[in-house]
């Protein structure tokens, strides 16, 4: 009996804590920093926001975009991890957080990325930018172009490392967008999960600026930033089971507050949300009738590799609808959209195309005659 009472009390306590966090989120009191966002990484769904589109400086969170362009340069073959990068005068002149590069000093791209991601080195970020694009100015123009492609409407970059500069601004929402895009490159976590490492053959030790690596269960990254104008900022990524979250905090008064706010965002997400994977419904037929074609039926396919974020406290169930005509009229092209599978859960609706597996030409007299003749011969 006592055991049952204890279990009940524990369950009640967990439910109360979850409700308290949800209520805090509803009234904007979940974090103390002036701006923040919690995003589910696979879908991009916003689970919490506070002044999400307020334009603010973001310090070294800027390096999320710098690293994104670095990884995209590797994808395109313009950069390799074993490439040798030479620091120029401009890179060596950077202040703030750095690894004290000297003009003419060389390091591998791998070490420059490590210095940028782990130690938030301003000089290493500029050295990478100059190596990829020829100059920091050209690289920054590419950063702004990429920001536009990602829909980052609140963002203007003036440099690649986040040092305070007039007009260099972004928003918590935009930081979440570019963080999500960087997370599409899983190798970034090989760097952002490093706590302690060294450069220059062990002569220079670097320590990760993200203290959540030591304190938060499931943390994977991503980037911190601190300047006088920006305050203390973080884009924190974490994964537990099938749920991956991005918690952005901008403008906290202290580093301790920044990490506490980020942990509060992530805790809220893991306590209240889950990802439900969607599948092809059983009622989708394997083929469809074709009128006037060289074949009487066409095979169908529908690729569903997606999930939907659900609130654990909600009673909403996922429902699917197959929208498909009774038959198709030839000709039908391979890969042609012929219908849709629509999944709906709560306020979320996702649509997936039903495609024709292969081409079905229109029937003409000559091929039909040949087929009829062949069938008569076999009789």
Protein backbone atom coordinates (compact mmCIF):
# COMPACT_ATOMS: atom_id res chain seq x y z
CA UNK A 1 0.00 0.00 0.00
CA UNK A 2 2.80 2.39 0.96
CA UNK A 3 4.55 1.65 -2.34
CA UNK A 4 1.41 2.57 -4.29
CA UNK A 5 1.08 5.83 -2.36
CA UNK A 6 4.71 6.75 -3.10
CA UNK A 7 4.27 6.02 -6.81
CA UNK A 8 1.10 8.12 -6.87
CA UNK A 9 2.82 11.03 -5.13
CA UNK A 10 5.77 10.90 -7.52
CA UNK A 11 3.44 10.88 -10.54
CA UNK A 12 1.49 13.80 -9.10
CA UNK A 13 4.69 15.74 -8.48
CA UNK A 14 5.86 15.17 -12.07
CA UNK A 15 2.48 16.24 -13.43
CA UNK A 16 2.51 19.38 -11.25
CA UNK A 17 6.01 20.26 -12.41
CA UNK A 18 4.98 19.80 -16.03
CA UNK A 19 1.88 21.95 -15.56
CA UNK A 20 3.90 24.63 -13.77
CA UNK A 21 6.39 24.77 -16.66
CA UNK A 22 3.56 24.90 -19.19
CA UNK A 23 1.88 27.74 -17.30
CA UNK A 24 5.19 29.61 -17.11
CA UNK A 25 5.63 29.18 -20.85
CA UNK A 26 2.12 30.48 -21.52
CA UNK A 27 2.75 33.72 -19.64
CA UNK A 28 6.29 34.20 -20.98
CA UNK A 29 7.98 33.62 -17.64
CA UNK A 30 9.87 30.47 -18.60
CA UNK A 31 13.11 32.42 -19.11
CA UNK A 32 14.42 35.62 -17.58
CA UNK A 33 16.45 36.76 -20.61
CA UNK A 34 14.77 39.35 -22.87
CA UNK A 35 14.48 37.06 -25.91
CA UNK A 36 14.35 33.34 -26.55
CA UNK A 37 12.98 30.55 -28.72
CA UNK A 38 12.53 26.80 -28.39
CA UNK A 39 12.36 24.91 -31.69
CA UNK A 40 11.91 21.22 -32.44
CA UNK A 41 14.77 20.45 -34.82
CA UNK A 42 13.30 17.91 -37.25
CA UNK A 43 10.12 19.87 -38.05
CA UNK A 44 11.15 23.43 -37.21
CA UNK A 45 8.06 23.84 -35.05
CA UNK A 46 8.28 26.61 -32.45
CA UNK A 47 7.37 25.31 -28.99
CA UNK A 48 8.05 28.52 -27.05
CA UNK A 49 8.93 32.10 -27.92
CA UNK A 50 9.65 35.34 -26.15
CA UNK A 51 10.32 38.43 -28.27
CA UNK A 52 11.33 35.98 -30.98
CA UNK A 53 11.71 38.58 -33.74
CA UNK A 54 13.26 41.37 -31.68
CA UNK A 55 16.44 42.47 -33.48
CA UNK A 56 19.45 42.16 -31.21
CA UNK A 57 23.22 41.68 -31.40
CA UNK A 58 24.14 38.03 -30.85
CA UNK A 59 27.91 38.02 -30.29
CA UNK A 60 29.61 34.74 -31.26
CA UNK A 61 26.31 33.06 -32.07
CA UNK A 62 27.19 34.65 -35.42
CA UNK A 63 29.64 31.77 -35.85
CA UNK A 64 26.71 29.39 -36.38
CA UNK A 65 26.34 30.90 -39.85
CA UNK A 66 30.11 30.97 -40.35
CA UNK A 67 30.31 27.27 -39.54
CA UNK A 68 27.32 26.53 -41.76
CA UNK A 69 29.12 28.05 -44.75
CA UNK A 70 32.29 26.15 -43.79
CA UNK A 71 30.44 22.82 -43.79
CA UNK A 72 28.69 23.67 -47.04
CA UNK A 73 32.10 24.45 -48.55
CA UNK A 74 33.20 20.96 -47.52
CA UNK A 75 30.07 19.47 -49.07
CA UNK A 76 30.89 21.14 -52.39
CA UNK A 77 34.55 20.09 -52.31
CA UNK A 78 35.88 23.63 -51.89
CA UNK A 79 37.32 22.78 -48.48
CA UNK A 80 38.80 19.66 -46.92
CA UNK A 81 39.63 19.02 -43.29
CA UNK A 82 43.29 18.43 -44.11
CA UNK A 83 43.64 21.68 -46.09
CA UNK A 84 46.31 24.02 -44.75
CA UNK A 85 44.98 27.46 -43.83
CA UNK A 86 47.32 30.41 -43.47
CA UNK A 87 46.31 33.24 -41.15
CA UNK A 88 46.48 36.67 -42.75
CA UNK A 89 47.17 40.02 -41.13
CA UNK A 90 43.45 40.74 -40.81
CA UNK A 91 42.66 37.42 -39.10
CA UNK A 92 45.60 37.84 -36.73
CA UNK A 93 44.39 41.32 -35.74
CA UNK A 94 41.12 40.09 -34.20
CA UNK A 95 40.48 40.78 -30.53
CA UNK A 96 38.21 39.18 -27.98
CA UNK A 97 38.16 35.40 -27.74
CA UNK A 98 40.91 33.96 -29.94
CA UNK A 99 43.78 31.47 -30.22
CA UNK A 100 46.40 34.19 -30.81
CA UNK A 101 47.08 33.42 -34.46
CA UNK A 102 50.10 35.17 -35.90
CA UNK A 103 50.15 36.44 -39.47
CA UNK A 104 51.54 33.68 -41.66
CA UNK A 105 50.84 30.93 -39.13
CA UNK A 106 49.33 27.77 -40.60
CA UNK A 107 46.85 25.26 -39.23
CA UNK A 108 44.69 22.55 -40.73
CA UNK A 109 41.08 23.38 -41.54
CA UNK A 110 40.15 20.76 -38.93
CA UNK A 111 41.99 22.68 -36.19
CA UNK A 112 40.60 26.02 -37.34
CA UNK A 113 37.05 24.61 -37.17
CA UNK A 114 37.78 23.13 -33.74
CA UNK A 115 39.08 26.49 -32.51
CA UNK A 116 35.99 28.27 -33.86
CA UNK A 117 33.42 25.81 -32.54
CA UNK A 118 35.01 24.95 -29.17
CA UNK A 119 36.96 28.05 -28.12
CA UNK A 120 34.87 30.55 -30.12
CA UNK A 121 38.09 31.89 -31.65
CA UNK A 122 37.44 35.09 -33.60
CA UNK A 123 40.78 34.90 -35.43
CA UNK A 124 40.17 31.29 -36.54
CA UNK A 125 36.71 32.20 -37.86
CA UNK A 126 38.18 35.00 -39.99
CA UNK A 127 41.00 32.75 -41.24
CA UNK A 128 38.40 30.21 -42.39
CA UNK A 129 36.34 32.94 -44.06
CA UNK A 130 39.34 34.34 -45.94
CA UNK A 131 40.45 30.88 -47.07
CA UNK A 132 37.02 30.00 -48.44
CA UNK A 133 36.03 33.32 -50.02
CA UNK A 134 39.23 35.32 -50.44
CA UNK A 135 38.24 38.01 -47.95
CA UNK A 136 36.03 38.42 -44.91
CA UNK A 137 33.90 40.99 -46.76
CA UNK A 138 33.04 38.54 -49.54
CA UNK A 139 32.36 35.82 -47.00
CA UNK A 140 30.03 38.11 -45.00
CA UNK A 141 28.11 38.91 -48.19
CA UNK A 142 27.65 35.16 -48.64
CA UNK A 143 26.48 34.88 -45.02
CA UNK A 144 23.79 37.47 -45.67
CA UNK A 145 22.79 35.76 -48.91
CA UNK A 146 22.45 32.43 -47.10
CA UNK A 147 20.47 34.10 -44.33
CA UNK A 148 18.01 35.36 -46.94
CA UNK A 149 17.66 31.87 -48.39
CA UNK A 150 16.83 30.51 -44.94
CA UNK A 151 14.16 33.16 -44.35
CA UNK A 152 16.14 35.02 -41.68
CA UNK A 153 14.33 38.33 -42.12
CA UNK A 154 15.60 39.92 -38.90
CA UNK A 155 19.30 39.40 -39.62
CA UNK A 156 22.13 41.53 -40.99
CA UNK A 157 25.71 40.30 -40.61
CA UNK A 158 28.58 42.78 -40.64
CA UNK A 159 31.35 40.33 -39.73
CA UNK A 160 31.89 36.59 -39.45
CA UNK A 161 32.74 36.29 -35.76
CA UNK A 162 30.17 38.41 -33.88
CA UNK A 163 32.34 41.21 -32.50
CA UNK A 164 30.12 44.20 -31.71
CA UNK A 165 29.52 46.33 -34.80
CA UNK A 166 26.80 48.84 -35.61
CA UNK A 167 23.95 47.17 -37.50
CA UNK A 168 25.12 43.61 -36.85
CA UNK A 169 21.83 42.11 -35.61
CA UNK A 170 19.68 39.00 -35.65
CA UNK A 171 16.77 37.56 -33.62
CA UNK A 172 16.16 34.50 -31.48
CA UNK A 173 13.96 33.06 -34.23
CA UNK A 174 16.62 33.58 -36.89
CA UNK A 175 19.27 32.02 -34.68
CA UNK A 176 17.06 28.94 -34.35
CA UNK A 177 16.67 28.80 -38.14
CA UNK A 178 20.39 28.85 -38.87
CA UNK A 179 21.12 26.50 -35.96
CA UNK A 180 18.65 24.00 -37.37
CA UNK A 181 20.36 24.21 -40.77
CA UNK A 182 23.81 23.69 -39.24
CA UNK A 183 22.49 20.64 -37.37
CA UNK A 184 21.77 19.04 -40.75
CA UNK A 185 25.54 18.49 -40.83
CA UNK A 186 25.98 15.87 -38.06
CA UNK A 187 29.76 16.25 -38.06
CA UNK A 188 29.37 19.62 -36.34
CA UNK A 189 28.61 17.68 -33.16
CA UNK A 190 32.06 16.09 -33.34
CA UNK A 191 33.33 19.58 -32.50
CA UNK A 192 30.57 21.05 -30.32
CA UNK A 193 30.65 18.02 -27.99
CA UNK A 194 34.36 18.51 -27.22
CA UNK A 195 34.94 19.72 -23.68
CA UNK A 196 38.73 19.94 -23.56
CA UNK A 197 41.29 19.67 -26.37
CA UNK A 198 44.49 21.21 -27.65
CA UNK A 199 46.06 22.81 -30.70
CA UNK A 200 49.61 23.37 -31.93
CA UNK A 201 50.69 19.89 -30.95
CA UNK A 202 49.52 20.28 -27.38
CA UNK A 203 50.94 23.75 -26.80
CA UNK A 204 47.54 25.51 -26.79
CA UNK A 205 44.70 24.15 -24.65
CA UNK A 206 41.10 25.00 -25.51
CA UNK A 207 38.01 24.58 -23.33
CA UNK A 208 34.44 24.62 -24.58
CA UNK A 209 32.53 27.78 -23.74
CA UNK A 210 29.29 25.78 -23.44
CA UNK A 211 29.17 24.74 -19.78
CA UNK A 212 25.98 22.74 -20.36
CA UNK A 213 28.20 19.99 -21.73
CA UNK A 214 29.05 19.17 -18.13
CA UNK A 215 25.61 19.59 -16.60
CA UNK A 216 22.78 18.85 -19.04
CA UNK A 217 21.63 15.38 -20.06
CA UNK A 218 21.51 15.00 -23.84
CA UNK A 219 23.32 18.24 -24.72
CA UNK A 220 25.04 18.18 -28.13
CA UNK A 221 26.03 21.83 -28.72
CA UNK A 222 25.85 24.35 -30.17
CA UNK A 223 27.33 27.83 -29.64
CA UNK A 224 27.68 30.49 -26.99
CA UNK A 225 28.41 34.19 -27.34
CA UNK A 226 29.14 37.14 -25.07
CA UNK A 227 29.86 40.81 -25.78
CA UNK A 228 29.05 44.10 -24.07
CA UNK A 229 26.29 44.91 -26.57
CA UNK A 230 24.81 41.42 -26.89
CA UNK A 231 25.01 40.27 -23.30
CA UNK A 232 25.26 36.53 -22.72
CA UNK A 233 23.75 34.37 -25.50
CA UNK A 234 23.47 30.70 -26.40
CA UNK A 235 22.03 28.40 -29.00
CA UNK A 236 21.75 25.09 -27.13
CA UNK A 237 21.00 21.81 -28.88
CA UNK A 238 20.05 18.58 -27.13
CA UNK A 239 18.62 15.19 -28.03
CA UNK A 240 16.79 12.63 -25.93
CA UNK A 241 15.37 9.64 -27.73
CA UNK A 242 13.64 10.76 -30.92
CA UNK A 243 13.26 14.39 -29.81
CA UNK A 244 15.90 16.99 -30.74
CA UNK A 245 15.53 20.57 -29.51
CA UNK A 246 17.14 23.95 -30.16
CA UNK A 247 16.94 26.44 -27.30
CA UNK A 248 18.01 30.02 -28.06
CA UNK A 249 18.64 32.63 -25.37
CA UNK A 250 19.70 36.19 -26.25
CA UNK A 251 20.69 39.05 -23.95
CA UNK A 252 21.00 37.33 -20.59
CA UNK A 253 22.68 39.40 -17.88
CA UNK A 254 25.15 36.71 -16.83
CA UNK A 255 26.56 33.45 -18.12
CA UNK A 256 24.87 31.62 -15.25
CA UNK A 257 21.50 33.08 -16.25
CA UNK A 258 22.12 32.15 -19.90
CA UNK A 259 22.73 28.49 -19.05
CA UNK A 260 19.81 28.36 -16.58
CA UNK A 261 17.45 29.79 -19.20
CA UNK A 262 18.67 27.39 -21.87
CA UNK A 263 18.20 24.44 -19.51
CA UNK A 264 14.69 25.69 -18.66
CA UNK A 265 13.77 25.83 -22.34
CA UNK A 266 15.08 22.34 -23.02
CA UNK A 267 13.47 20.92 -19.87
CA UNK A 268 10.14 22.37 -20.93
CA UNK A 269 10.44 20.82 -24.38
CA UNK A 270 11.42 17.35 -23.20
CA UNK A 271 8.74 17.33 -20.48
CA UNK A 272 5.86 18.38 -22.70
CA UNK A 273 6.50 17.28 -26.30
CA UNK A 274 7.27 14.22 -28.38
CA UNK A 275 7.66 13.42 -32.07
CA UNK A 276 5.21 11.02 -33.67
CA UNK A 277 6.58 9.35 -36.81
CA UNK A 278 4.17 9.18 -39.74
CA UNK A 279 3.86 6.19 -42.07
CA UNK A 280 2.15 5.29 -45.32
CA UNK A 281 -1.45 4.36 -44.37
CA UNK A 282 -2.55 0.78 -44.96
CA UNK A 283 -5.52 1.93 -47.06
CA UNK A 284 -3.27 3.29 -49.81
CA UNK A 285 -3.66 0.87 -52.75
CA UNK A 286 -0.58 -0.59 -54.40
CA UNK A 287 -1.86 0.29 -57.87
CA UNK A 288 -4.55 2.24 -59.71
CA UNK A 289 -6.61 1.53 -62.83
CA UNK A 290 -5.48 3.24 -66.06
CA UNK A 291 -7.91 4.05 -68.85
CA UNK A 292 -6.67 4.01 -72.45
CA UNK A 293 -3.15 2.93 -71.59
CA UNK A 294 -0.74 0.26 -72.78
CA UNK A 295 -1.19 -1.27 -69.34
CA UNK A 296 -4.38 -1.56 -67.35
CA UNK A 297 -2.91 -0.53 -64.00
CA UNK A 298 -0.14 1.68 -62.67
CA UNK A 299 1.89 0.97 -59.54
CA UNK A 300 1.84 3.71 -56.90
CA UNK A 301 4.35 4.91 -54.35
CA UNK A 302 4.28 7.45 -51.54
CA UNK A 303 7.38 8.28 -49.55
CA UNK A 304 6.70 9.43 -46.00
CA UNK A 305 9.74 10.08 -43.86
CA UNK A 306 8.52 12.71 -41.45
CA UNK A 307 7.16 13.27 -38.00
CA UNK A 308 4.81 15.64 -36.27
CA UNK A 309 5.37 17.25 -32.87
CA UNK A 310 2.69 16.36 -30.35
CA UNK A 311 1.94 17.71 -26.91
CA UNK A 312 2.15 14.87 -24.42
CA UNK A 313 -0.85 16.25 -22.50
CA UNK A 314 -3.05 16.44 -25.60
CA UNK A 315 -5.63 13.86 -26.56
CA UNK A 316 -5.19 14.61 -30.26
CA UNK A 317 -4.82 11.53 -32.45
CA UNK A 318 -3.23 11.33 -35.87
CA UNK A 319 -5.64 10.74 -38.75
CA UNK A 320 -4.76 10.07 -42.39
CA UNK A 321 -6.77 10.63 -45.56
CA UNK A 322 -5.94 9.18 -48.98
CA UNK A 323 -6.97 11.45 -51.86
CA UNK A 324 -6.87 9.45 -55.09
CA UNK A 325 -9.09 9.25 -58.21
CA UNK A 326 -10.78 5.98 -59.14
CA UNK A 327 -8.68 5.74 -62.31
CA UNK A 328 -6.11 7.59 -64.41
CA UNK A 329 -6.27 8.56 -68.06
CA UNK A 330 -3.23 7.58 -70.12
CA UNK A 331 -0.61 8.73 -70.80
CA UNK A 332 0.88 8.84 -67.30
CA UNK A 333 4.46 9.99 -66.70
CA UNK A 334 6.89 8.25 -64.37
CA UNK A 335 6.91 10.15 -61.07
CA UNK A 336 3.73 12.05 -61.95
CA UNK A 337 1.68 13.17 -58.95
CA UNK A 338 -1.67 11.40 -59.01
CA UNK A 339 -2.94 11.96 -55.46
CA UNK A 340 -2.05 12.83 -51.87
CA UNK A 341 -1.83 11.33 -48.41
CA UNK A 342 -2.86 13.90 -45.81
CA UNK A 343 -1.96 13.43 -42.16
CA UNK A 344 -3.66 15.62 -39.57
CA UNK A 345 -3.02 15.83 -35.83
CA UNK A 346 -4.26 18.75 -33.77
CA UNK A 347 -3.54 21.94 -35.69
CA UNK A 348 -0.86 20.33 -37.85
CA UNK A 349 -1.56 19.11 -41.37
CA UNK A 350 1.05 17.44 -43.58
CA UNK A 351 0.53 16.42 -47.19
CA UNK A 352 2.58 13.85 -49.12
CA UNK A 353 2.43 13.18 -52.85
CA UNK A 354 1.27 9.86 -54.30
CA UNK A 355 3.31 9.21 -57.44
CA UNK A 356 3.06 6.89 -60.42
CA UNK A 357 5.87 4.34 -60.23
CA UNK A 358 6.58 4.22 -63.97
CA UNK A 359 5.43 5.58 -67.32
CA UNK A 360 2.20 4.26 -68.86
CA UNK A 361 1.99 5.31 -72.55
CA UNK A 362 -1.31 5.92 -74.27
CA UNK A 363 -2.59 2.93 -76.22
CA UNK A 364 -2.29 3.28 -80.01
CA UNK A 365 -3.57 1.02 -82.79
CA UNK A 366 -0.23 -0.51 -83.83
CA UNK A 367 0.97 -1.68 -80.40
CA UNK A 368 -2.52 -2.93 -79.54
CA UNK A 369 -2.66 -4.88 -82.82
CA UNK A 370 0.77 -6.43 -82.14
CA UNK A 371 -0.26 -7.49 -78.66
CA UNK A 372 -3.52 -8.97 -80.00
CA UNK A 373 -1.63 -10.79 -82.77
CA UNK A 374 0.87 -12.22 -80.26
CA UNK A 375 -1.94 -13.46 -78.07
CA UNK A 376 -3.64 -15.17 -81.00
CA UNK A 377 -0.41 -16.94 -82.01
CA UNK A 378 -0.06 -18.34 -78.49
CA UNK A 379 -3.53 -19.89 -78.65
